[in-house]
Amino acid sequence: MMNPKSQTRRKLFPGVFFFFFYVLLLLLLCFQLSEATKDSSKGQVKLQNHRLGSSVVFPVSGNVYPLGYYYVLLNIGNPPKLFDLDIDTGSDLTWVQCDAPCNGCTKPRDSQYKPNHNTLPCSHLLCSGLDLPQSKPCDDPEDQCDYEIGYSDHASSVGALVSDEFPLRLENGSTMHPHLTFGCGYDQQNPGPHPPPPTAGILGLGRGKVSISSQLSSLGVTKNVIVHCLSHNGKGFLSIGDELVPSSGVTWTSLALKPPSKNYKTGPAELLFNDKTTGVKGINFIFDSGSSYTYFNAEAYQAVLDLIRKDLKGKPLTDTKEDKSLPVCWKDKKRLKSVHDVKNYFKTITLRFGSQKNGQLFQIPPESYLIITEKGNVCLGILNGTEIGLENYNIIGDVSFQGIMVIYDNEKQRIGWIPSDCDKLPNGYEDDGGDLSEEEAYPRGFGLIGEL
């Protein structure tokens, strides 16, 4: 397998043509923005008069098990081409498999993105804003902006930054075609034990400047607020903008601002089990939709596992090592079909942020930390993050997001949540998300960028 760090950077296009196309692109963009401010009769939003006035909503498909991810369909380019992207609040950069040509891509060439003299130079603001530990500095400011991004599950993508149209239908009924920056990934590596996901790439929704939500906010299209609602039944929705945020009933906790982080990291929390303290306190959590499962550090993980096993004494569930789906699994006397068959044997886990009296509670009921495998066993969807190199980091992943609306409010530097029916799309949106084959199961670890 090639090492992307040691390979020669691939030039997507001859540099002599780039300057002229880049100038032309800027002129066309300025003209489009000028026209949008003059006339909204063709469905364009007047940026000055309607700044940050709407949201864009995407149907979501996927599941925690056996797929291991949730994805949206997104059009890119003119004419538009549809790409299925893994939603990831644990990283900033959006990238798609790119026919430059491509090494390690899972999509056929006709389903890959085809660049068209639209790479960005190293001098571009978003190139310097990437701040990726794996990327190399540019020798010349007019060179194309290359990137290398590595994830905590040891997957990686190498490519170049490009800019293209993203046709969007806003929630207020208007349409826009903003030019957004993303990665044209021409070398993908997945050295882990699982096959790579069949999606075309990653939709980066982190806190950095290059994330799609940050770009849409800087262009005045939406507010920098992300909402996702993931269903236990393979559906859900994703929104960029604040129109779907409930006016009441949301539990809010502040994001940790020091030290600065591109991740959605909260302040310290206390770990409760069945509404009683476990003695584990002062742990920070990262909210990451790019993680299939939830990860606790060694202390918190062992405390929870010991309490669960204590509760299971005298119950019909027994440990099983035969099922390798997850590290800790139990079997019943008969094959299990649903978490509801055994949820009464397990207790709710609660994270209490803030003070003991007025803390904000993030509750994780059994159906949001247990998995029923294809062998009919029940497994613990909370894993020991310390064992796999996360050190003292704690991650709340998709398994614990099911059945709740999660709100990443970058405008007010806070995260909120509220129980919701994630099977229903808001405001009459139709689910055209499509399906991916469950035969290509990919129990992905986590989407957090490497070197946290």
Protein backbone atom coordinates (compact mmCIF):
# COMPACT_ATOMS: atom_id res chain seq x y z
CA MET A 1 0.00 0.00 0.00
CA MET A 2 1.38 3.41 -0.95
CA ASN A 3 2.33 5.84 1.77
CA PRO A 4 0.64 9.14 0.85
CA LYS A 5 3.19 11.11 2.88
CA SER A 6 6.09 9.91 0.78
CA GLN A 7 4.53 10.20 -2.65
CA THR A 8 5.18 13.00 -5.12
CA ARG A 9 2.42 15.56 -5.24
CA ARG A 10 0.29 15.15 -8.34
CA LYS A 11 -0.39 18.21 -10.44
CA LEU A 12 -3.97 18.03 -11.63
CA PHE A 13 -3.62 20.66 -14.35
CA PRO A 14 -0.88 22.60 -16.16
CA GLY A 15 -0.05 25.66 -14.07
CA VAL A 16 0.23 27.92 -17.12
CA PHE A 17 -3.55 27.74 -17.68
CA PHE A 18 -4.55 28.08 -14.05
CA PHE A 19 -4.03 31.81 -13.62
CA PHE A 20 -6.33 32.71 -16.51
CA PHE A 21 -9.07 30.29 -15.46
CA TYR A 22 -8.85 31.48 -11.87
CA VAL A 23 -9.25 35.14 -12.93
CA LEU A 24 -12.16 34.16 -15.17
CA LEU A 25 -13.74 32.20 -12.32
CA LEU A 26 -13.49 35.22 -10.01
CA LEU A 27 -15.05 37.49 -12.64
CA LEU A 28 -17.92 35.06 -13.21
CA LEU A 29 -18.48 34.68 -9.46
CA CYS A 30 -18.55 38.46 -8.97
CA PHE A 31 -21.02 38.76 -11.85
CA GLN A 32 -23.29 36.08 -10.37
CA LEU A 33 -23.28 37.70 -6.94
CA SER A 34 -24.02 41.07 -8.54
CA GLU A 35 -26.96 39.64 -10.44
CA ALA A 36 -28.22 37.90 -7.29
CA THR A 37 -28.38 41.23 -5.48
CA LYS A 38 -30.23 42.84 -8.37
CA ASP A 39 -32.90 40.32 -9.10
CA SER A 40 -34.42 37.57 -6.99
CA SER A 41 -37.25 36.81 -9.42
CA LYS A 42 -35.32 33.83 -10.77
CA GLY A 43 -35.11 32.18 -7.36
CA GLN A 44 -31.78 33.73 -6.32
CA VAL A 45 -31.49 35.08 -2.80
CA LYS A 46 -30.51 38.71 -2.34
CA LEU A 47 -27.52 38.28 -0.07
CA GLN A 48 -27.59 41.82 1.31
CA ASN A 49 -31.31 41.96 1.99
CA HIS A 50 -31.82 38.35 3.12
CA ARG A 51 -28.49 37.63 4.77
CA LEU A 52 -28.49 34.41 6.78
CA GLY A 53 -32.19 34.01 6.21
CA SER A 54 -32.70 30.35 5.47
CA SER A 55 -31.50 26.76 5.86
CA VAL A 56 -30.74 23.85 3.60
CA VAL A 57 -32.09 20.41 4.56
CA PHE A 58 -30.85 17.02 3.38
CA PRO A 59 -32.50 13.63 3.92
CA VAL A 60 -30.14 11.22 5.69
CA SER A 61 -29.81 7.47 5.18
CA GLY A 62 -27.67 4.88 6.95
CA ASN A 63 -27.33 3.09 10.27
CA VAL A 64 -24.86 2.32 13.03
CA TYR A 65 -24.88 -1.41 12.38
CA PRO A 66 -24.11 -3.04 10.02
CA LEU A 67 -23.26 -0.08 7.74
CA GLY A 68 -21.50 2.08 10.33
CA TYR A 69 -22.29 5.50 8.89
CA TYR A 70 -25.02 7.96 7.87
CA TYR A 71 -24.83 9.81 4.56
CA VAL A 72 -26.48 12.51 2.47
CA LEU A 73 -26.74 13.06 -1.28
CA LEU A 74 -25.25 16.32 -2.50
CA ASN A 75 -25.07 17.85 -5.99
CA ILE A 76 -21.76 19.36 -7.08
CA GLY A 77 -20.85 21.09 -10.33
CA ASN A 78 -22.57 22.47 -13.42
CA PRO A 79 -24.18 20.39 -14.76
CA PRO A 80 -24.77 18.98 -11.28
CA LYS A 81 -23.55 15.51 -10.35
CA LEU A 82 -24.82 13.61 -7.32
CA PHE A 83 -22.41 12.37 -4.63
CA ASP A 84 -23.13 10.35 -1.48
CA LEU A 85 -21.13 11.84 1.39
CA ASP A 86 -20.52 10.57 4.91
CA ILE A 87 -21.62 13.31 7.37
CA ASP A 88 -18.78 14.13 9.75
CA THR A 89 -18.82 16.79 12.45
CA GLY A 90 -15.40 15.51 13.57
CA SER A 91 -13.47 17.02 10.64
CA ASP A 92 -13.58 20.19 8.54
CA LEU A 93 -12.60 19.28 5.00
CA THR A 94 -15.21 18.01 2.56
CA TRP A 95 -13.67 15.82 -0.13
CA VAL A 96 -14.87 13.54 -2.91
CA GLN A 97 -13.19 10.77 -4.86
CA CYS A 98 -11.62 12.45 -7.85
CA ASP A 99 -10.77 11.26 -11.35
CA ALA A 100 -7.30 12.82 -11.58
CA PRO A 101 -6.86 9.78 -11.98
CA CYS A 102 -7.58 8.12 -8.63
CA ASN A 103 -5.70 5.59 -6.53
CA GLY A 104 -7.65 3.61 -3.92
CA CYS A 105 -11.05 4.93 -4.96
CA THR A 106 -14.07 2.69 -4.50
CA LYS A 107 -16.32 4.48 -6.98
CA PRO A 108 -16.13 3.75 -10.73
CA ARG A 109 -14.64 6.57 -12.82
CA ASP A 110 -18.00 7.79 -14.11
CA SER A 111 -19.11 8.29 -10.48
CA GLN A 112 -16.01 10.25 -9.47
CA TYR A 113 -15.66 14.02 -9.53
CA LYS A 114 -13.93 15.30 -12.67
CA PRO A 115 -11.90 18.48 -12.08
CA ASN A 116 -11.91 21.12 -14.80
CA HIS A 117 -9.04 23.58 -14.29
CA ASN A 118 -10.55 24.64 -10.95
CA THR A 119 -7.80 23.96 -8.43
CA LEU A 120 -6.99 26.67 -5.90
CA PRO A 121 -3.51 28.15 -5.35
CA CYS A 122 -1.55 27.96 -2.13
CA SER A 123 -2.16 31.68 -1.65
CA HIS A 124 -5.90 31.10 -1.24
CA LEU A 125 -7.22 31.95 2.22
CA LEU A 126 -8.81 28.54 2.75
CA CYS A 127 -5.60 26.77 1.81
CA SER A 128 -3.76 28.42 4.67
CA GLY A 129 -6.80 27.77 6.87
CA LEU A 130 -6.65 24.00 6.39
CA ASP A 131 -4.24 23.57 9.30
CA LEU A 132 -3.85 19.83 8.73
CA PRO A 133 -0.93 18.22 10.58
CA GLN A 134 -0.30 15.84 7.68
CA SER A 135 -0.14 18.48 4.91
CA LYS A 136 3.16 19.86 3.63
CA PRO A 137 3.90 23.58 3.18
CA CYS A 138 3.86 25.09 -0.31
CA ASP A 139 7.09 25.99 -2.10
CA ASP A 140 5.40 28.60 -4.30
CA PRO A 141 2.23 30.56 -3.44
CA GLU A 142 0.96 29.97 -6.99
CA ASP A 143 1.30 26.20 -6.74
CA GLN A 144 -1.93 24.26 -6.44
CA CYS A 145 -3.10 23.78 -2.86
CA ASP A 146 -2.53 20.14 -1.98
CA TYR A 147 -3.90 18.52 1.14
CA GLU A 148 -3.34 15.34 3.08
CA ILE A 149 -5.85 14.47 5.77
CA GLY A 150 -5.55 11.54 8.15
CA TYR A 151 -8.27 10.19 10.41
CA SER A 152 -8.09 8.49 13.77
CA ASP A 153 -9.03 5.13 12.25
CA HIS A 154 -5.84 5.44 10.12
CA ALA A 155 -7.71 6.13 6.87
CA SER A 156 -6.42 9.05 4.80
CA SER A 157 -7.08 11.09 1.69
CA VAL A 158 -4.57 13.00 -0.47
CA GLY A 159 -5.64 15.50 -3.11
CA ALA A 160 -5.93 19.15 -4.10
CA LEU A 161 -8.35 21.88 -3.13
CA VAL A 162 -10.84 22.85 -5.83
CA SER A 163 -13.83 25.18 -6.07
CA ASP A 164 -17.12 24.43 -7.79
CA GLU A 165 -20.85 25.13 -7.72
CA PHE A 166 -23.05 23.54 -5.07
CA PRO A 167 -26.67 23.85 -6.26
CA LEU A 168 -28.79 24.22 -3.12
CA ARG A 169 -32.54 24.47 -2.60
CA LEU A 170 -33.10 26.49 0.53
CA GLU A 171 -35.86 25.90 3.03
CA ASN A 172 -37.51 29.19 2.09
CA GLY A 173 -38.03 27.89 -1.45
CA SER A 174 -35.22 29.81 -3.17
CA THR A 175 -32.23 28.28 -4.89
CA MET A 176 -28.57 29.25 -4.85
CA HIS A 177 -25.40 28.08 -6.55
CA PRO A 178 -22.55 29.13 -4.25
CA HIS A 179 -18.99 28.24 -5.19
CA LEU A 180 -17.56 26.25 -2.31
CA THR A 181 -14.08 24.87 -1.65
CA PHE A 182 -13.55 21.13 -1.17
CA GLY A 183 -10.99 18.41 -1.71
CA CYS A 184 -10.47 16.55 -4.98
CA GLY A 185 -9.17 13.31 -3.44
CA TYR A 186 -7.00 11.32 -5.84
CA ASP A 187 -5.34 8.93 -3.37
CA GLN A 188 -7.35 7.15 -0.64
CA GLN A 189 -5.80 4.79 1.90
CA ASN A 190 -7.68 2.47 4.28
CA PRO A 191 -5.13 0.25 6.04
CA GLY A 192 -7.56 -0.84 8.78
CA PRO A 193 -9.19 -4.27 9.12
CA HIS A 194 -12.44 -3.17 7.49
CA PRO A 195 -13.09 -2.43 3.81
CA PRO A 196 -13.42 1.24 2.85
CA PRO A 197 -16.93 2.71 2.89
CA PRO A 198 -18.78 2.76 -0.43
CA THR A 199 -19.58 6.47 -0.13
CA ALA A 200 -17.94 8.98 -2.49
CA GLY A 201 -16.33 11.01 0.27
CA ILE A 202 -16.76 13.05 3.44
CA LEU A 203 -18.99 16.03 4.20
CA GLY A 204 -16.86 17.98 6.67
CA LEU A 205 -18.92 19.90 9.22
CA GLY A 206 -16.32 20.79 11.85
CA ARG A 207 -15.62 24.22 13.32
CA GLY A 208 -12.82 25.28 10.94
CA LYS A 209 -13.04 27.85 8.14
CA VAL A 210 -12.99 25.25 5.36
CA SER A 211 -16.04 23.33 6.63
CA ILE A 212 -19.11 23.60 4.41
CA SER A 213 -21.19 25.23 7.14
CA SER A 214 -18.50 27.87 7.77
CA GLN A 215 -18.25 28.63 4.06
CA LEU A 216 -22.01 28.97 3.63
CA SER A 217 -22.09 31.30 6.63
CA SER A 218 -19.25 33.48 5.30
CA LEU A 219 -21.09 33.81 1.97
CA GLY A 220 -24.25 34.90 3.77
CA VAL A 221 -26.29 31.87 2.69
CA THR A 222 -27.06 30.35 6.12
CA LYS A 223 -26.12 30.76 9.73
CA ASN A 224 -23.31 28.55 10.97
CA VAL A 225 -25.62 26.11 12.73
CA ILE A 226 -25.73 22.37 12.02
CA VAL A 227 -28.62 20.11 12.98
CA HIS A 228 -28.73 16.34 12.57
CA CYS A 229 -31.37 13.86 13.59
CA LEU A 230 -30.47 10.18 13.15
CA SER A 231 -33.14 7.50 13.29
CA HIS A 232 -32.86 3.97 14.68
CA ASN A 233 -34.59 2.90 11.45
CA GLY A 234 -32.05 4.06 8.90
CA LYS A 235 -33.42 7.54 8.18
CA GLY A 236 -33.01 11.08 9.44
CA PHE A 237 -32.17 14.58 8.28
CA LEU A 238 -29.31 17.06 8.27
CA SER A 239 -29.74 20.83 8.22
CA ILE A 240 -27.33 23.73 7.83
CA GLY A 241 -28.91 26.90 9.21
CA ASP A 242 -31.02 27.58 12.29
CA GLU A 243 -34.60 27.36 11.05
CA LEU A 244 -35.14 23.84 12.37
CA VAL A 245 -33.87 24.67 15.86
CA PRO A 246 -36.83 24.39 18.31
CA SER A 247 -37.65 27.57 20.19
CA SER A 248 -37.99 25.67 23.46
CA GLY A 249 -37.21 22.33 25.08
CA VAL A 250 -33.58 22.16 23.93
CA THR A 251 -30.89 21.33 26.50
CA TRP A 252 -27.81 23.47 25.84
CA THR A 253 -24.22 23.17 27.04
CA SER A 254 -21.27 25.39 26.15
CA LEU A 255 -18.44 24.40 23.86
CA ALA A 256 -15.00 24.41 25.41
CA LEU A 257 -13.16 27.45 24.03
CA LYS A 258 -9.78 26.91 25.72
CA PRO A 259 -7.63 25.55 24.35
CA PRO A 260 -8.98 26.43 20.87
CA SER A 261 -10.27 23.36 19.03
CA LYS A 262 -11.83 22.59 15.66
CA ASN A 263 -13.77 19.78 17.33
CA TYR A 264 -17.10 20.15 19.08
CA LYS A 265 -15.68 19.63 22.54
CA THR A 266 -17.81 20.29 25.60
CA GLY A 267 -16.86 21.30 29.11
CA PRO A 268 -16.32 18.70 31.85
CA ALA A 269 -19.08 16.20 32.66
CA GLU A 270 -19.86 13.70 35.38
CA LEU A 271 -20.74 10.12 34.48
CA LEU A 272 -23.95 8.73 36.01
CA PHE A 273 -25.35 5.19 35.82
CA ASN A 274 -29.02 4.66 36.63
CA ASP A 275 -29.12 8.27 37.93
CA LYS A 276 -26.36 7.52 40.47
CA THR A 277 -22.81 8.83 40.34
CA THR A 278 -20.06 6.49 39.21
CA GLY A 279 -17.36 8.63 40.79
CA VAL A 280 -16.02 9.52 37.34
CA LYS A 281 -15.97 13.30 36.94
CA GLY A 282 -14.31 16.06 34.97
CA ILE A 283 -14.34 14.30 31.59
CA ASN A 284 -14.62 16.26 28.33
CA PHE A 285 -16.60 14.91 25.40
CA ILE A 286 -16.38 15.47 21.65
CA PHE A 287 -19.60 15.25 19.63
CA ASP A 288 -18.67 13.45 16.39
CA SER A 289 -21.15 12.21 13.79
CA GLY A 290 -18.20 10.63 11.98
CA SER A 291 -17.93 8.02 14.73
CA SER A 292 -20.15 4.97 14.58
CA TYR A 293 -19.81 4.24 18.28
CA THR A 294 -19.28 6.08 21.56
CA TYR A 295 -15.83 5.97 23.16
CA PHE A 296 -15.00 6.45 26.85
CA ASN A 297 -11.53 6.69 28.34
CA ALA A 298 -10.30 3.66 30.28
CA GLU A 299 -11.56 4.85 33.67
CA ALA A 300 -15.08 5.73 32.49
CA TYR A 301 -15.33 2.64 30.29
CA GLN A 302 -14.34 0.23 33.07
CA ALA A 303 -16.72 1.89 35.52
CA VAL A 304 -19.67 1.47 33.14
CA LEU A 305 -18.74 -2.07 32.13
CA ASP A 306 -18.40 -3.18 35.77
CA LEU A 307 -21.83 -1.74 36.64
CA ILE A 308 -23.47 -3.36 33.61
CA ARG A 309 -21.98 -6.76 34.42
CA LYS A 310 -23.07 -6.42 38.03
CA ASP A 311 -26.64 -5.74 36.89
CA LEU A 312 -26.60 -8.76 34.55
CA LYS A 313 -25.86 -11.24 37.33
CA GLY A 314 -28.81 -13.59 37.60
CA LYS A 315 -30.14 -12.50 34.21
CA PRO A 316 -30.38 -14.89 31.23
CA LEU A 317 -27.65 -13.04 29.30
CA THR A 318 -24.15 -14.55 29.32
CA ASP A 319 -20.83 -13.33 27.89
CA THR A 320 -19.92 -14.65 24.47
CA LYS A 321 -16.54 -14.52 22.76
CA GLU A 322 -17.83 -16.12 19.57
CA ASP A 323 -19.35 -12.89 18.28
CA LYS A 324 -16.52 -10.61 17.10
CA SER A 325 -18.81 -7.76 16.01
CA LEU A 326 -17.76 -5.66 19.02
CA PRO A 327 -15.41 -6.24 21.98
CA VAL A 328 -18.14 -7.01 24.55
CA CYS A 329 -21.19 -9.11 23.62
CA TRP A 330 -23.82 -11.22 25.41
CA LYS A 331 -26.05 -14.01 24.17
CA ASP A 332 -29.50 -15.05 25.29
CA LYS A 333 -31.00 -18.53 25.33
CA LYS A 334 -32.72 -17.64 22.07
CA ARG A 335 -31.69 -15.46 19.16
CA LEU A 336 -32.37 -11.76 19.82
CA LYS A 337 -34.18 -9.70 17.20
CA SER A 338 -34.32 -6.26 18.81
CA VAL A 339 -32.78 -4.22 21.61
CA HIS A 340 -36.30 -4.07 23.04
CA ASP A 341 -35.98 -7.80 23.84
CA VAL A 342 -33.31 -7.04 26.47
CA LYS A 343 -33.44 -3.30 27.25
CA ASN A 344 -35.02 -3.96 30.66
CA TYR A 345 -31.80 -5.69 31.74
CA PHE A 346 -29.81 -2.48 31.21
CA LYS A 347 -29.86 0.99 32.77
CA THR A 348 -29.63 4.50 31.36
CA ILE A 349 -26.20 6.16 31.27
CA THR A 350 -26.20 9.92 31.82
CA LEU A 351 -23.63 12.61 31.22
CA ARG A 352 -24.14 15.59 33.50
CA PHE A 353 -22.53 18.78 32.21
CA GLY A 354 -22.14 21.74 34.53
CA SER A 355 -23.04 21.84 38.22
CA GLN A 356 -24.57 19.02 40.22
CA LYS A 357 -27.76 20.96 40.97
CA ASN A 358 -28.32 22.72 37.64
CA GLY A 359 -26.36 20.51 35.27
CA GLN A 360 -27.39 19.70 31.71
CA LEU A 361 -28.21 16.01 31.27
CA PHE A 362 -27.37 14.03 28.14
CA GLN A 363 -29.12 10.70 28.61
CA ILE A 364 -28.05 7.52 26.82
CA PRO A 365 -30.77 4.86 27.22
CA PRO A 366 -29.97 1.19 26.48
CA GLU A 367 -31.25 1.43 22.90
CA SER A 368 -28.62 4.17 22.32
CA TYR A 369 -25.62 2.14 23.47
CA LEU A 370 -26.55 -1.46 22.55
CA ILE A 371 -26.33 -3.21 19.18
CA ILE A 372 -28.09 -6.40 18.05
CA THR A 373 -25.72 -8.23 15.74
CA GLU A 374 -26.48 -10.42 12.74
CA LYS A 375 -25.80 -13.44 14.98
CA GLY A 376 -28.65 -12.44 17.28
CA ASN A 377 -26.48 -11.32 20.20
CA VAL A 378 -26.45 -7.99 22.02
CA CYS A 379 -23.19 -6.00 22.13
CA LEU A 380 -22.00 -2.91 23.95
CA GLY A 381 -21.76 0.08 21.58
CA ILE A 382 -19.52 1.95 24.01
CA LEU A 383 -15.84 1.18 23.43
CA ASN A 384 -12.60 1.74 25.30
CA GLY A 385 -11.02 4.69 23.51
CA THR A 386 -7.76 4.49 25.47
CA GLU A 387 -7.11 1.00 24.09
CA ILE A 388 -7.19 2.23 20.51
CA GLY A 389 -5.06 5.33 20.93
CA LEU A 390 -7.58 8.04 21.84
CA GLU A 391 -5.80 8.47 25.18
CA ASN A 392 -8.06 10.53 27.45
CA TYR A 393 -10.50 11.71 24.77
CA ASN A 394 -14.17 10.75 25.02
CA ILE A 395 -16.40 10.70 21.95
CA ILE A 396 -20.17 10.65 21.59
CA GLY A 397 -20.89 8.91 18.29
CA ASP A 398 -23.84 7.95 16.11
CA VAL A 399 -25.04 5.09 18.32
CA SER A 400 -25.83 7.60 21.07
CA PHE A 401 -27.25 10.25 18.70
CA GLN A 402 -30.14 8.05 17.56
CA GLY A 403 -33.59 9.43 18.33
CA ILE A 404 -32.44 12.93 19.25
CA MET A 405 -31.94 16.19 17.40
CA VAL A 406 -28.39 17.43 17.95
CA ILE A 407 -27.63 21.12 17.32
CA TYR A 408 -24.12 22.47 16.76
CA ASP A 409 -24.54 26.22 17.23
CA ASN A 410 -21.32 27.87 16.08
CA GLU A 411 -22.96 31.29 16.30
CA LYS A 412 -23.28 31.03 20.09
CA GLN A 413 -20.56 28.42 20.73
CA ARG A 414 -22.85 25.79 22.21
CA ILE A 415 -24.30 22.33 21.58
CA GLY A 416 -27.92 21.37 22.19
CA TRP A 417 -30.08 18.25 22.06
CA ILE A 418 -33.74 17.30 22.29
CA PRO A 419 -35.57 13.95 21.83
CA SER A 420 -37.12 13.87 18.35
CA ASP A 421 -38.83 11.66 15.80
CA CYS A 422 -35.98 11.43 13.32
CA ASP A 423 -37.96 9.22 10.92
CA LYS A 424 -39.94 12.24 9.75
CA LEU A 425 -38.40 14.93 7.59
CA PRO A 426 -39.39 18.49 8.55
CA ASN A 427 -41.64 20.74 6.50
CA GLY A 428 -42.74 18.18 3.94
CA TYR A 429 -39.32 17.32 2.54
CA GLU A 430 -39.40 14.09 0.56
CA ASP A 431 -36.85 11.41 1.28
CA ASP A 432 -34.86 10.90 -1.91
CA GLY A 433 -31.71 9.85 -0.12
CA GLY A 434 -31.46 6.46 -1.78
CA ASP A 435 -29.88 3.37 -0.29
CA LEU A 436 -26.43 1.83 -0.19
CA SER A 437 -25.89 -1.88 -0.16
CA GLU A 438 -25.66 -3.27 3.36
CA GLU A 439 -23.43 -5.98 1.96
CA GLU A 440 -20.61 -3.42 2.09
CA ALA A 441 -20.78 -3.11 5.86
CA TYR A 442 -18.22 -0.72 7.26
CA PRO A 443 -18.23 -0.41 11.07
CA ARG A 444 -16.18 2.75 10.94
CA GLY A 445 -14.27 3.82 14.00
CA PHE A 446 -14.40 7.60 14.12
CA GLY A 447 -14.11 10.59 11.85
CA LEU A 448 -11.92 12.71 14.09
CA ILE A 449 -8.82 14.02 12.40
CA GLY A 450 -5.66 12.31 13.51
CA GLU A 451 -3.41 14.04 16.04
CA LEU A 452 -6.16 15.58 18.14
